[in-house]
C-alpha atoms as a PDB file:
ATOM      1  CA  UNK A   1      80.434  82.316 -38.447  1.00  0.00           C
ATOM      2  CA  UNK A   2      81.794  82.141 -41.966  1.00  0.00           C
ATOM      3  CA  UNK A   3      81.339  85.465 -43.785  1.00  0.00           C
ATOM      4  CA  UNK A   4      78.602  85.443 -46.394  1.00  0.00           C
ATOM      5  CA  UNK A   5      80.105  86.477 -49.741  1.00  0.00           C
ATOM      6  CA  UNK A   6      78.674  87.434 -53.133  1.00  0.00           C
ATOM      7  CA  UNK A   7      77.794  84.218 -54.963  1.00  0.00           C
ATOM      8  CA  UNK A   8      74.841  82.857 -56.839  1.00  0.00           C
ATOM      9  CA  UNK A   9      74.639  80.264 -54.093  1.00  0.00           C
ATOM     10  CA  UNK A  10      74.915  81.406 -50.515  1.00  0.00           C
ATOM     11  CA  UNK A  11      74.465  78.667 -47.949  1.00  0.00           C
ATOM     12  CA  UNK A  12      72.079  79.650 -45.175  1.00  0.00           C
ATOM     13  CA  UNK A  13      70.754  77.057 -42.784  1.00  0.00           C
ATOM     14  CA  UNK A  14      67.881  78.798 -41.090  1.00  0.00           C
ATOM     15  CA  UNK A  15      65.587  78.013 -38.134  1.00  0.00           C
ATOM     16  CA  UNK A  16      63.778  79.744 -35.272  1.00  0.00           C
ATOM     17  CA  UNK A  17      61.803  79.060 -32.091  1.00  0.00           C
ATOM     18  CA  UNK A  18      58.623  80.848 -33.049  1.00  0.00           C
ATOM     19  CA  UNK A  19      54.911  80.700 -32.470  1.00  0.00           C
ATOM     20  CA  UNK A  20      53.097  77.765 -30.889  1.00  0.00           C
ATOM     21  CA  UNK A  21      52.452  74.252 -32.109  1.00  0.00           C
ATOM     22  CA  UNK A  22      51.345  74.042 -35.727  1.00  0.00           C
ATOM     23  CA  UNK A  23      49.358  71.071 -36.929  1.00  0.00           C
ATOM     24  CA  UNK A  24      50.770  69.001 -39.741  1.00  0.00           C
ATOM     25  CA  UNK A  25      54.476  69.649 -39.012  1.00  0.00           C
ATOM     26  CA  UNK A  26      56.178  68.355 -35.897  1.00  0.00           C
ATOM     27  CA  UNK A  27      59.188  70.082 -34.333  1.00  0.00           C
ATOM     28  CA  UNK A  28      62.227  67.826 -34.372  1.00  0.00           C
ATOM     29  CA  UNK A  29      65.573  67.926 -32.497  1.00  0.00           C
ATOM     30  CA  UNK A  30      68.605  69.512 -34.119  1.00  0.00           C
ATOM     31  CA  UNK A  31      70.121  67.183 -36.720  1.00  0.00           C
ATOM     32  CA  UNK A  32      66.792  65.717 -37.788  1.00  0.00           C
ATOM     33  CA  UNK A  33      64.432  67.116 -40.424  1.00  0.00           C
ATOM     34  CA  UNK A  34      63.120  70.517 -39.376  1.00  0.00           C
ATOM     35  CA  UNK A  35      60.585  72.795 -40.915  1.00  0.00           C
ATOM     36  CA  UNK A  36      61.244  76.119 -42.574  1.00  0.00           C
ATOM     37  CA  UNK A  37      59.368  78.940 -40.916  1.00  0.00           C
ATOM     38  CA  UNK A  38      58.347  82.206 -42.584  1.00  0.00           C
ATOM     39  CA  UNK A  39      56.755  84.805 -40.357  1.00  0.00           C
ATOM     40  CA  UNK A  40      55.138  87.910 -41.750  1.00  0.00           C
ATOM     41  CA  UNK A  41      55.708  90.110 -38.688  1.00  0.00           C
ATOM     42  CA  UNK A  42      52.808  92.435 -37.916  1.00  0.00           C
ATOM     43  CA  UNK A  43      54.322  95.895 -38.311  1.00  0.00           C
ATOM     44  CA  UNK A  44      50.929  97.506 -39.010  1.00  0.00           C
ATOM     45  CA  UNK A  45      49.530 100.131 -36.674  1.00  0.00           C
ATOM     46  CA  UNK A  46      46.050 101.588 -37.005  1.00  0.00           C
ATOM     47  CA  UNK A  47      47.198 103.919 -39.774  1.00  0.00           C
ATOM     48  CA  UNK A  48      50.566 102.519 -40.961  1.00  0.00           C
ATOM     49  CA  UNK A  49      51.295  99.681 -43.318  1.00  0.00           C
ATOM     50  CA  UNK A  50      54.660  97.956 -43.563  1.00  0.00           C
ATOM     51  CA  UNK A  51      56.567  94.790 -44.344  1.00  0.00           C
ATOM     52  CA  UNK A  52      58.884  92.649 -42.199  1.00  0.00           C
ATOM     53  CA  UNK A  53      59.504  88.943 -42.891  1.00  0.00           C
ATOM     54  CA  UNK A  54      61.659  86.486 -40.958  1.00  0.00           C
ATOM     55  CA  UNK A  55      62.590  83.217 -42.676  1.00  0.00           C
ATOM     56  CA  UNK A  56      64.297  80.707 -40.419  1.00  0.00           C
ATOM     57  CA  UNK A  57      65.670  77.186 -40.254  1.00  0.00           C
ATOM     58  CA  UNK A  58      68.280  75.343 -38.163  1.00  0.00           C
ATOM     59  CA  UNK A  59      68.932  78.211 -35.748  1.00  0.00           C
ATOM     60  CA  UNK A  60      69.777  80.853 -38.308  1.00  0.00           C
ATOM     61  CA  UNK A  61      67.651  83.775 -39.395  1.00  0.00           C
ATOM     62  CA  UNK A  62      67.112  85.752 -42.585  1.00  0.00           C
ATOM     63  CA  UNK A  63      65.171  89.048 -42.454  1.00  0.00           C
ATOM     64  CA  UNK A  64      63.452  90.873 -45.335  1.00  0.00           C
ATOM     65  CA  UNK A  65      62.474  94.429 -44.350  1.00  0.00           C
ATOM     66  CA  UNK A  66      61.802  96.064 -40.988  1.00  0.00           C
ATOM     67  CA  UNK A  67      58.547  98.039 -41.273  1.00  0.00           C
ATOM     68  CA  UNK A  68      57.992 101.782 -40.860  1.00  0.00           C
ATOM     69  CA  UNK A  69      60.108 103.708 -38.363  1.00  0.00           C
ATOM     70  CA  UNK A  70      56.965 104.746 -36.415  1.00  0.00           C
ATOM     71  CA  UNK A  71      56.388 101.133 -35.310  1.00  0.00           C
ATOM     72  CA  UNK A  72      59.973 100.115 -34.685  1.00  0.00           C
ATOM     73  CA  UNK A  73      59.716 100.398 -30.914  1.00  0.00           C
ATOM     74  CA  UNK A  74      56.113  99.202 -30.608  1.00  0.00           C
ATOM     75  CA  UNK A  75      56.010  96.312 -33.099  1.00  0.00           C
ATOM     76  CA  UNK A  76      59.273  95.367 -34.802  1.00  0.00           C
ATOM     77  CA  UNK A  77      61.859  95.282 -32.020  1.00  0.00           C
ATOM     78  CA  UNK A  78      59.465  93.713 -29.469  1.00  0.00           C
ATOM     79  CA  UNK A  79      58.896  90.798 -31.839  1.00  0.00           C
ATOM     80  CA  UNK A  80      62.606  90.199 -32.283  1.00  0.00           C
ATOM     81  CA  UNK A  81      63.156  90.441 -28.518  1.00  0.00           C
ATOM     82  CA  UNK A  82      60.299  88.128 -27.690  1.00  0.00           C
ATOM     83  CA  UNK A  83      61.737  85.468 -29.949  1.00  0.00           C
ATOM     84  CA  UNK A  84      65.335  85.909 -28.827  1.00  0.00           C
ATOM     85  CA  UNK A  85      66.674  87.239 -32.112  1.00  0.00           C
ATOM     86  CA  UNK A  86      70.103  88.757 -31.406  1.00  0.00           C
ATOM     87  CA  UNK A  87      71.774  87.667 -34.663  1.00  0.00           C
ATOM     88  CA  UNK A  88      70.690  87.730 -38.264  1.00  0.00           C
ATOM     89  CA  UNK A  89      72.589  85.864 -40.932  1.00  0.00           C
ATOM     90  CA  UNK A  90      71.396  88.287 -43.559  1.00  0.00           C
ATOM     91  CA  UNK A  91      69.097  91.257 -43.930  1.00  0.00           C
ATOM     92  CA  UNK A  92      67.511  92.372 -47.224  1.00  0.00           C
ATOM     93  CA  UNK A  93      65.816  95.701 -47.870  1.00  0.00           C
ATOM     94  CA  UNK A  94      63.321  94.626 -50.532  1.00  0.00           C
ATOM     95  CA  UNK A  95      63.129  98.156 -51.953  1.00  0.00           C
ATOM     96  CA  UNK A  96      63.976 101.585 -50.602  1.00  0.00           C
ATOM     97  CA  UNK A  97      60.697 102.844 -49.104  1.00  0.00           C
ATOM     98  CA  UNK A  98      60.441 103.798 -45.444  1.00  0.00           C
ATOM     99  CA  UNK A  99      57.682 101.272 -44.662  1.00  0.00           C
ATOM    100  CA  UNK A 100      60.181  98.594 -45.635  1.00  0.00           C
ATOM    101  CA  UNK A 101      63.516  99.926 -44.401  1.00  0.00           C
ATOM    102  CA  UNK A 102      62.268 101.916 -41.413  1.00  0.00           C
ATOM    103  CA  UNK A 103      63.361  99.450 -38.700  1.00  0.00           C
ATOM    104  CA  UNK A 104      66.703  98.468 -40.146  1.00  0.00           C
ATOM    105  CA  UNK A 105      68.692 101.259 -38.470  1.00  0.00           C
ATOM    106  CA  UNK A 106      67.439  99.987 -35.119  1.00  0.00           C
ATOM    107  CA  UNK A 107      69.023  96.619 -35.684  1.00  0.00           C
ATOM    108  CA  UNK A 108      72.462  98.180 -35.613  1.00  0.00           C
ATOM    109  CA  UNK A 109      71.584 100.721 -32.901  1.00  0.00           C
ATOM    110  CA  UNK A 110      70.409  97.855 -30.640  1.00  0.00           C
ATOM    111  CA  UNK A 111      73.497  95.733 -31.360  1.00  0.00           C
ATOM    112  CA  UNK A 112      71.695  92.962 -33.211  1.00  0.00           C
ATOM    113  CA  UNK A 113      74.466  91.353 -35.213  1.00  0.00           C
ATOM    114  CA  UNK A 114      73.865  91.309 -38.975  1.00  0.00           C
ATOM    115  CA  UNK A 115      76.310  89.202 -41.003  1.00  0.00           C
ATOM    116  CA  UNK A 116      75.421  90.745 -44.386  1.00  0.00           C
ATOM    117  CA  UNK A 117      73.114  93.549 -45.519  1.00  0.00           C
ATOM    118  CA  UNK A 118      71.615  93.321 -48.984  1.00  0.00           C
ATOM    119  CA  UNK A 119      70.189  96.547 -50.447  1.00  0.00           C
ATOM    120  CA  UNK A 120      70.032  98.441 -53.722  1.00  0.00           C
ATOM    121  CA  UNK A 121      70.510 102.216 -53.568  1.00  0.00           C
ATOM    122  CA  UNK A 122      68.337 104.427 -55.739  1.00  0.00           C
ATOM    123  CA  UNK A 123      69.918 107.557 -57.124  1.00  0.00           C
ATOM    124  CA  UNK A 124      69.386 110.711 -55.068  1.00  0.00           C
ATOM    125  CA  UNK A 125      67.242 112.050 -57.910  1.00  0.00           C
ATOM    126  CA  UNK A 126      64.948 109.017 -57.730  1.00  0.00           C
ATOM    127  CA  UNK A 127      64.331 109.714 -54.082  1.00  0.00           C
ATOM    128  CA  UNK A 128      63.526 113.402 -54.819  1.00  0.00           C
ATOM    129  CA  UNK A 129      60.755 112.198 -57.161  1.00  0.00           C
ATOM    130  CA  UNK A 130      59.117 110.367 -54.215  1.00  0.00           C
ATOM    131  CA  UNK A 131      59.812 112.420 -51.052  1.00  0.00           C
ATOM    132  CA  UNK A 132      56.700 110.999 -49.373  1.00  0.00           C
ATOM    133  CA  UNK A 133      58.131 107.471 -49.426  1.00  0.00           C
ATOM    134  CA  UNK A 134      61.895 107.744 -49.018  1.00  0.00           C
ATOM    135  CA  UNK A 135      64.623 110.060 -47.748  1.00  0.00           C
ATOM    136  CA  UNK A 136      68.012 109.498 -49.348  1.00  0.00           C
ATOM    137  CA  UNK A 137      69.745 110.356 -46.092  1.00  0.00           C
ATOM    138  CA  UNK A 138      67.902 107.532 -44.328  1.00  0.00           C
ATOM    139  CA  UNK A 139      69.542 105.048 -46.689  1.00  0.00           C
ATOM    140  CA  UNK A 140      72.953 106.646 -46.276  1.00  0.00           C
ATOM    141  CA  UNK A 141      72.519 106.413 -42.495  1.00  0.00           C
ATOM    142  CA  UNK A 142      71.699 102.706 -42.707  1.00  0.00           C
ATOM    143  CA  UNK A 143      74.812 102.032 -44.758  1.00  0.00           C
ATOM    144  CA  UNK A 144      76.980 104.059 -42.413  1.00  0.00           C
ATOM    145  CA  UNK A 145      75.673 102.148 -39.388  1.00  0.00           C
ATOM    146  CA  UNK A 146      76.226  98.857 -41.183  1.00  0.00           C
ATOM    147  CA  UNK A 147      79.840  99.762 -41.997  1.00  0.00           C
ATOM    148  CA  UNK A 148      80.438 100.948 -38.481  1.00  0.00           C
ATOM    149  CA  UNK A 149      79.201  97.596 -37.247  1.00  0.00           C
ATOM    150  CA  UNK A 150      81.464  95.751 -39.605  1.00  0.00           C
ATOM    151  CA  UNK A 151      78.552  94.438 -41.707  1.00  0.00           C
ATOM    152  CA  UNK A 152      79.300  93.924 -45.436  1.00  0.00           C
ATOM    153  CA  UNK A 153      76.799  95.595 -47.833  1.00  0.00           C
ATOM    154  CA  UNK A 154      76.031  93.779 -51.070  1.00  0.00           C
ATOM    155  CA  UNK A 155      73.663  94.664 -53.927  1.00  0.00           C
ATOM    156  CA  UNK A 156      70.700  92.429 -54.652  1.00  0.00           C
ATOM    157  CA  UNK A 157      70.978  90.778 -58.044  1.00  0.00           C
ATOM    158  CA  UNK A 158      68.619  88.685 -60.148  1.00  0.00           C
ATOM    159  CA  UNK A 159      69.562  85.040 -59.724  1.00  0.00           C
ATOM    160  CA  UNK A 160      70.918  85.412 -56.183  1.00  0.00           C
ATOM    161  CA  UNK A 161      70.160  82.094 -54.529  1.00  0.00           C
ATOM    162  CA  UNK A 162      70.277  81.277 -50.856  1.00  0.00           C
ATOM    163  CA  UNK A 163      70.489  77.547 -50.160  1.00  0.00           C
ATOM    164  CA  UNK A 164      69.166  76.783 -46.683  1.00  0.00           C
ATOM    165  CA  UNK A 165      69.763  73.069 -47.161  1.00  0.00           C
ATOM    166  CA  UNK A 166      69.303  70.547 -49.982  1.00  0.00           C
ATOM    167  CA  UNK A 167      65.513  70.878 -49.807  1.00  0.00           C
ATOM    168  CA  UNK A 168      65.160  74.617 -49.115  1.00  0.00           C
ATOM    169  CA  UNK A 169      66.195  77.419 -51.482  1.00  0.00           C
ATOM    170  CA  UNK A 170      65.372  81.102 -51.777  1.00  0.00           C
ATOM    171  CA  UNK A 171      65.959  82.858 -55.122  1.00  0.00           C
ATOM    172  CA  UNK A 172      65.658  86.411 -56.313  1.00  0.00           C
ATOM    173  CA  UNK A 173      63.671  85.877 -59.529  1.00  0.00           C
ATOM    174  CA  UNK A 174      63.544  89.476 -60.716  1.00  0.00           C
ATOM    175  CA  UNK A 175      64.872  92.854 -59.626  1.00  0.00           C
ATOM    176  CA  UNK A 176      65.214  96.155 -61.518  1.00  0.00           C
ATOM    177  CA  UNK A 177      66.716  99.544 -60.707  1.00  0.00           C
ATOM    178  CA  UNK A 178      63.719 101.658 -61.668  1.00  0.00           C
ATOM    179  CA  UNK A 179      65.604 103.161 -64.616  1.00  0.00           C
ATOM    180  CA  UNK A 180      66.760 100.278 -66.850  1.00  0.00           C
ATOM    181  CA  UNK A 181      63.669  98.101 -66.894  1.00  0.00           C
ATOM    182  CA  UNK A 182      61.754  96.272 -69.644  1.00  0.00           C
ATOM    183  CA  UNK A 183      59.058  98.988 -69.471  1.00  0.00           C
ATOM    184  CA  UNK A 184      61.323 102.061 -69.055  1.00  0.00           C
ATOM    185  CA  UNK A 185      61.411 104.353 -66.015  1.00  0.00           C
ATOM    186  CA  UNK A 186      59.305 103.162 -63.052  1.00  0.00           C
ATOM    187  CA  UNK A 187      58.733 104.311 -59.511  1.00  0.00           C
ATOM    188  CA  UNK A 188      60.630 102.937 -56.538  1.00  0.00           C
ATOM    189  CA  UNK A 189      58.021 100.280 -55.814  1.00  0.00           C
ATOM    190  CA  UNK A 190      59.120  98.528 -58.964  1.00  0.00           C
ATOM    191  CA  UNK A 191      62.624  98.215 -57.530  1.00  0.00           C
ATOM    192  CA  UNK A 192      61.179  95.397 -55.435  1.00  0.00           C
ATOM    193  CA  UNK A 193      63.009  92.095 -55.261  1.00  0.00           C
ATOM    194  CA  UNK A 194      60.577  89.352 -56.479  1.00  0.00           C
ATOM    195  CA  UNK A 195      61.693  86.393 -54.376  1.00  0.00           C
ATOM    196  CA  UNK A 196      60.674  82.743 -54.373  1.00  0.00           C
ATOM    197  CA  UNK A 197      61.160  80.386 -51.412  1.00  0.00           C
ATOM    198  CA  UNK A 198      61.168  76.713 -52.411  1.00  0.00           C
ATOM    199  CA  UNK A 199      60.945  74.142 -49.669  1.00  0.00           C
ATOM    200  CA  UNK A 200      60.425  70.640 -50.994  1.00  0.00           C
ATOM    201  CA  UNK A 201      57.157  70.752 -52.933  1.00  0.00           C
ATOM    202  CA  UNK A 202      56.109  74.098 -51.473  1.00  0.00           C
ATOM    203  CA  UNK A 203      56.529  77.495 -53.142  1.00  0.00           C
ATOM    204  CA  UNK A 204      56.174  80.875 -51.440  1.00  0.00           C
ATOM    205  CA  UNK A 205      56.386  84.111 -53.448  1.00  0.00           C
ATOM    206  CA  UNK A 206      57.339  87.474 -51.880  1.00  0.00           C
ATOM    207  CA  UNK A 207      56.571  90.388 -54.150  1.00  0.00           C
ATOM    208  CA  UNK A 208      57.535  93.579 -52.258  1.00  0.00           C
ATOM    209  CA  UNK A 209      55.386  96.414 -53.619  1.00  0.00           C
ATOM    210  CA  UNK A 210      55.302  95.286 -57.263  1.00  0.00           C
ATOM    211  CA  UNK A 211      53.149  97.729 -59.219  1.00  0.00           C
ATOM    212  CA  UNK A 212      50.823  97.401 -62.191  1.00  0.00           C
ATOM    213  CA  UNK A 213      53.304  98.290 -64.959  1.00  0.00           C
ATOM    214  CA  UNK A 214      56.087  95.872 -64.190  1.00  0.00           C
ATOM    215  CA  UNK A 215      53.587  93.381 -62.761  1.00  0.00           C
ATOM    216  CA  UNK A 216      51.832  93.309 -66.169  1.00  0.00           C
ATOM    217  CA  UNK A 217      55.159  92.687 -67.929  1.00  0.00           C
ATOM    218  CA  UNK A 218      55.997  89.760 -65.596  1.00  0.00           C
ATOM    219  CA  UNK A 219      52.495  88.298 -65.944  1.00  0.00           C
ATOM    220  CA  UNK A 220      53.025  88.251 -69.697  1.00  0.00           C
ATOM    221  CA  UNK A 221      56.634  87.080 -69.804  1.00  0.00           C
ATOM    222  CA  UNK A 222      57.542  85.176 -66.597  1.00  0.00           C
ATOM    223  CA  UNK A 223      56.963  81.462 -66.356  1.00  0.00           C
ATOM    224  CA  UNK A 224      58.263  80.801 -62.820  1.00  0.00           C
ATOM    225  CA  UNK A 225      55.666  82.580 -60.671  1.00  0.00           C
ATOM    226  CA  UNK A 226      53.594  79.522 -59.554  1.00  0.00           C
ATOM    227  CA  UNK A 227      53.329  79.549 -55.752  1.00  0.00           C
ATOM    228  CA  UNK A 228      51.286  78.056 -52.913  1.00  0.00           C
ATOM    229  CA  UNK A 229      51.387  81.303 -50.905  1.00  0.00           C
ATOM    230  CA  UNK A 230      51.817  84.812 -52.300  1.00  0.00           C
ATOM    231  CA  UNK A 231      52.638  87.902 -50.278  1.00  0.00           C
ATOM    232  CA  UNK A 232      50.405  90.428 -52.034  1.00  0.00           C
ATOM    233  CA  UNK A 233      52.328  93.489 -53.189  1.00  0.00           C
ATOM    234  CA  UNK A 234      51.717  97.135 -52.337  1.00  0.00           C
ATOM    235  CA  UNK A 235      49.709  96.247 -49.221  1.00  0.00           C
ATOM    236  CA  UNK A 236      46.763  95.211 -51.406  1.00  0.00           C
ATOM    237  CA  UNK A 237      46.004  98.696 -52.717  1.00  0.00           C
ATOM    238  CA  UNK A 238      44.982  99.987 -56.110  1.00  0.00           C
ATOM    239  CA  UNK A 239      48.217 100.210 -58.071  1.00  0.00           C
ATOM    240  CA  UNK A 240      49.425  96.700 -57.260  1.00  0.00           C
ATOM    241  CA  UNK A 241      50.253  94.125 -59.925  1.00  0.00           C
ATOM    242  CA  UNK A 242      47.312  93.165 -62.185  1.00  0.00           C
ATOM    243  CA  UNK A 243      44.976  90.226 -61.597  1.00  0.00           C
ATOM    244  CA  UNK A 244      46.722  88.300 -64.377  1.00  0.00           C
ATOM    245  CA  UNK A 245      49.882  88.228 -62.281  1.00  0.00           C
ATOM    246  CA  UNK A 246      48.130  86.495 -59.361  1.00  0.00           C
ATOM    247  CA  UNK A 247      46.170  84.183 -61.687  1.00  0.00           C
ATOM    248  CA  UNK A 248      49.525  83.063 -63.151  1.00  0.00           C
ATOM    249  CA  UNK A 249      50.913  82.496 -59.656  1.00  0.00           C
ATOM    250  CA  UNK A 250      47.670  80.637 -58.759  1.00  0.00           C
ATOM    251  CA  UNK A 251      48.150  80.574 -54.972  1.00  0.00           C
ATOM    252  CA  UNK A 252      46.020  78.747 -52.436  1.00  0.00           C
ATOM    253  CA  UNK A 253      46.698  81.392 -49.787  1.00  0.00           C
ATOM    254  CA  UNK A 254      47.638  85.060 -49.746  1.00  0.00           C
ATOM    255  CA  UNK A 255      49.185  87.342 -47.108  1.00  0.00           C
ATOM    256  CA  UNK A 256      48.509  91.103 -47.058  1.00  0.00           C
ATOM    257  CA  UNK A 257      50.758  93.443 -45.026  1.00  0.00           C
ATOM    258  CA  UNK A 258      48.105  96.079 -44.347  1.00  0.00           C
ATOM    259  CA  UNK A 259      46.156  97.519 -41.437  1.00  0.00           C
ATOM    260  CA  UNK A 260      42.488  96.656 -41.135  1.00  0.00           C
ATOM    261  CA  UNK A 261      41.283 100.048 -42.347  1.00  0.00           C
ATOM    262  CA  UNK A 262      43.278  99.765 -45.580  1.00  0.00           C
ATOM    263  CA  UNK A 263      42.272  96.186 -46.345  1.00  0.00           C
ATOM    264  CA  UNK A 264      38.595  97.041 -45.660  1.00  0.00           C
ATOM    265  CA  UNK A 265      38.638 100.241 -47.743  1.00  0.00           C
ATOM    266  CA  UNK A 266      37.738 100.719 -51.428  1.00  0.00           C
ATOM    267  CA  UNK A 267      41.464 100.964 -52.151  1.00  0.00           C
ATOM    268  CA  UNK A 268      41.647  97.202 -51.742  1.00  0.00           C
ATOM    269  CA  UNK A 269      38.446  96.317 -53.615  1.00  0.00           C
ATOM    270  CA  UNK A 270      40.195  94.616 -56.537  1.00  0.00           C
ATOM    271  CA  UNK A 271      42.294  92.174 -54.600  1.00  0.00           C
ATOM    272  CA  UNK A 272      39.469  91.455 -52.126  1.00  0.00           C
ATOM    273  CA  UNK A 273      37.223  90.623 -55.072  1.00  0.00           C
ATOM    274  CA  UNK A 274      39.930  88.459 -56.667  1.00  0.00           C
ATOM    275  CA  UNK A 275      40.447  86.566 -53.379  1.00  0.00           C
ATOM    276  CA  UNK A 276      36.730  85.869 -53.157  1.00  0.00           C
ATOM    277  CA  UNK A 277      36.567  84.743 -56.795  1.00  0.00           C
ATOM    278  CA  UNK A 278      39.404  82.262 -56.454  1.00  0.00           C
ATOM    279  CA  UNK A 279      38.697  81.304 -52.813  1.00  0.00           C
ATOM    280  CA  UNK A 280      42.146  82.237 -51.616  1.00  0.00           C
ATOM    281  CA  UNK A 281      42.847  81.721 -47.967  1.00  0.00           C
ATOM    282  CA  UNK A 282      43.314  85.377 -46.877  1.00  0.00           C
ATOM    283  CA  UNK A 283      45.516  86.576 -44.040  1.00  0.00           C
ATOM    284  CA  UNK A 284      45.963  90.262 -43.157  1.00  0.00           C
ATOM    285  CA  UNK A 285      48.637  91.438 -40.681  1.00  0.00           C
ATOM    286  CA  UNK A 286      46.571  94.292 -39.321  1.00  0.00           C
ATOM    287  CA  UNK A 287      43.748  91.869 -38.538  1.00  0.00           C
ATOM    288  CA  UNK A 288      45.421  88.540 -37.810  1.00  0.00           C
ATOM    289  CA  UNK A 289      48.591  89.883 -36.194  1.00  0.00           C
ATOM    290  CA  UNK A 290      51.795  87.913 -36.853  1.00  0.00           C
ATOM    291  CA  UNK A 291      51.244  85.319 -39.607  1.00  0.00           C
ATOM    292  CA  UNK A 292      53.472  82.244 -39.562  1.00  0.00           C
ATOM    293  CA  UNK A 293      53.868  79.815 -42.467  1.00  0.00           C
ATOM    294  CA  UNK A 294      55.480  76.549 -41.435  1.00  0.00           C
ATOM    295  CA  UNK A 295      56.727  74.405 -44.324  1.00  0.00           C
ATOM    296  CA  UNK A 296      57.839  70.812 -43.914  1.00  0.00           C
ATOM    297  CA  UNK A 297      58.601  70.140 -47.544  1.00  0.00           C
ATOM    298  CA  UNK A 298      55.521  68.183 -48.534  1.00  0.00           C
ATOM    299  CA  UNK A 299      52.973  70.239 -46.589  1.00  0.00           C
ATOM    300  CA  UNK A 300      52.590  73.619 -44.922  1.00  0.00           C
ATOM    301  CA  UNK A 301      50.419  75.237 -42.315  1.00  0.00           C
ATOM    302  CA  UNK A 302      49.488  78.829 -41.563  1.00  0.00           C
ATOM    303  CA  UNK A 303      49.046  80.018 -37.981  1.00  0.00           C
ATOM    304  CA  UNK A 304      47.985  83.494 -36.867  1.00  0.00           C
ATOM    305  CA  UNK A 305      48.497  85.429 -33.655  1.00  0.00           C
ATOM    306  CA  UNK A 306      44.783  86.267 -33.449  1.00  0.00           C
ATOM    307  CA  UNK A 307      41.664  84.203 -34.196  1.00  0.00           C
ATOM    308  CA  UNK A 308      39.437  86.084 -36.600  1.00  0.00           C
ATOM    309  CA  UNK A 309      35.855  85.227 -37.597  1.00  0.00           C
ATOM    310  CA  UNK A 310      35.321  88.017 -40.111  1.00  0.00           C
ATOM    311  CA  UNK A 311      37.909  90.224 -41.863  1.00  0.00           C
ATOM    312  CA  UNK A 312      35.771  93.353 -42.278  1.00  0.00           C
ATOM    313  CA  UNK A 313      32.937  93.226 -39.726  1.00  0.00           C
ATOM    314  CA  UNK A 314      32.391  96.992 -40.018  1.00  0.00           C
ATOM    315  CA  UNK A 315      31.921  96.894 -43.788  1.00  0.00           C
ATOM    316  CA  UNK A 316      34.091  97.957 -46.693  1.00  0.00           C
ATOM    317  CA  UNK A 317      33.004 101.550 -47.380  1.00  0.00           C
ATOM    318  CA  UNK A 318      35.531 104.279 -48.115  1.00  0.00           C
ATOM    319  CA  UNK A 319      34.767 105.848 -44.729  1.00  0.00           C
ATOM    320  CA  UNK A 320      35.444 102.626 -42.833  1.00  0.00           C
ATOM    321  CA  UNK A 321      36.789 103.611 -39.403  1.00  0.00           C
ATOM    322  CA  UNK A 322      40.278 102.302 -38.530  1.00  0.00           C
ATOM    323  CA  UNK A 323      39.939  99.682 -35.767  1.00  0.00           C
ATOM    324  CA  UNK A 324      42.918  97.379 -36.142  1.00  0.00           C
ATOM    325  CA  UNK A 325      44.868  96.822 -32.941  1.00  0.00           C
ATOM    326  CA  UNK A 326      47.971  98.913 -32.340  1.00  0.00           C
END
């Protein structure tokens, strides 16, 4: 495997044998047209939210995030094992919070080969401001394990583009360091890499945990947010990007990386109301399980691990009892 080096264009041909048969896109033999597959891996327990996304095409795999460490053995690693993932062409830590980087150490500890690790380190002082969400030593440990495994570590930069093939491109649209931003100092959530996947006519936007402040700035100044599917930032909760951000993206479908109790709580009222207003197709990891978007260039389908009739059958009060499956 040719080493992936720092460029604005990094060629990644990605594919994976994932979930089931999806209507609208047929699976084709190697060498013919194949579909790009993005799976939002369910790394939500009853009480823990988290992100983990696998984007694949042509037998190669690109991972964004690994969920919280509490679900590494119960959710994250079992998914990779079930789907035969022993090699990742690249891994990105979207931003340095434990519910995003928590499973990354386990990749190296379980001898899953990672060609390149992309991550941006906060300062130690930044982590001290948010001890509930990040431990600086965790990030140092990840880097040490990567180096020990011979995995190059590269920073994430705005404009980084990964070319899967002539029809499929992933680009980091925006990324900031939390200190030098258009709105001044921000928290670590606003270190998120705002990433667009383009596959033929289809557009998929991954937003990390983009918060209200920087989200408002992008809603006012960015002109490249239009997407068919948006991964809702901050697990759908109160401080996420403003409604104007999503109205500018104008998705048909949204994915929320949250457990049932969080999605059905008052903390998610705003995005639930917005989804109802605009009739977004709504998919929640803690309710639907793994969520798989299959894109064939001119169409896409969304398949879920679990069939769901109603997202919040127990209501949406603040005392809603956690019932999502472990």
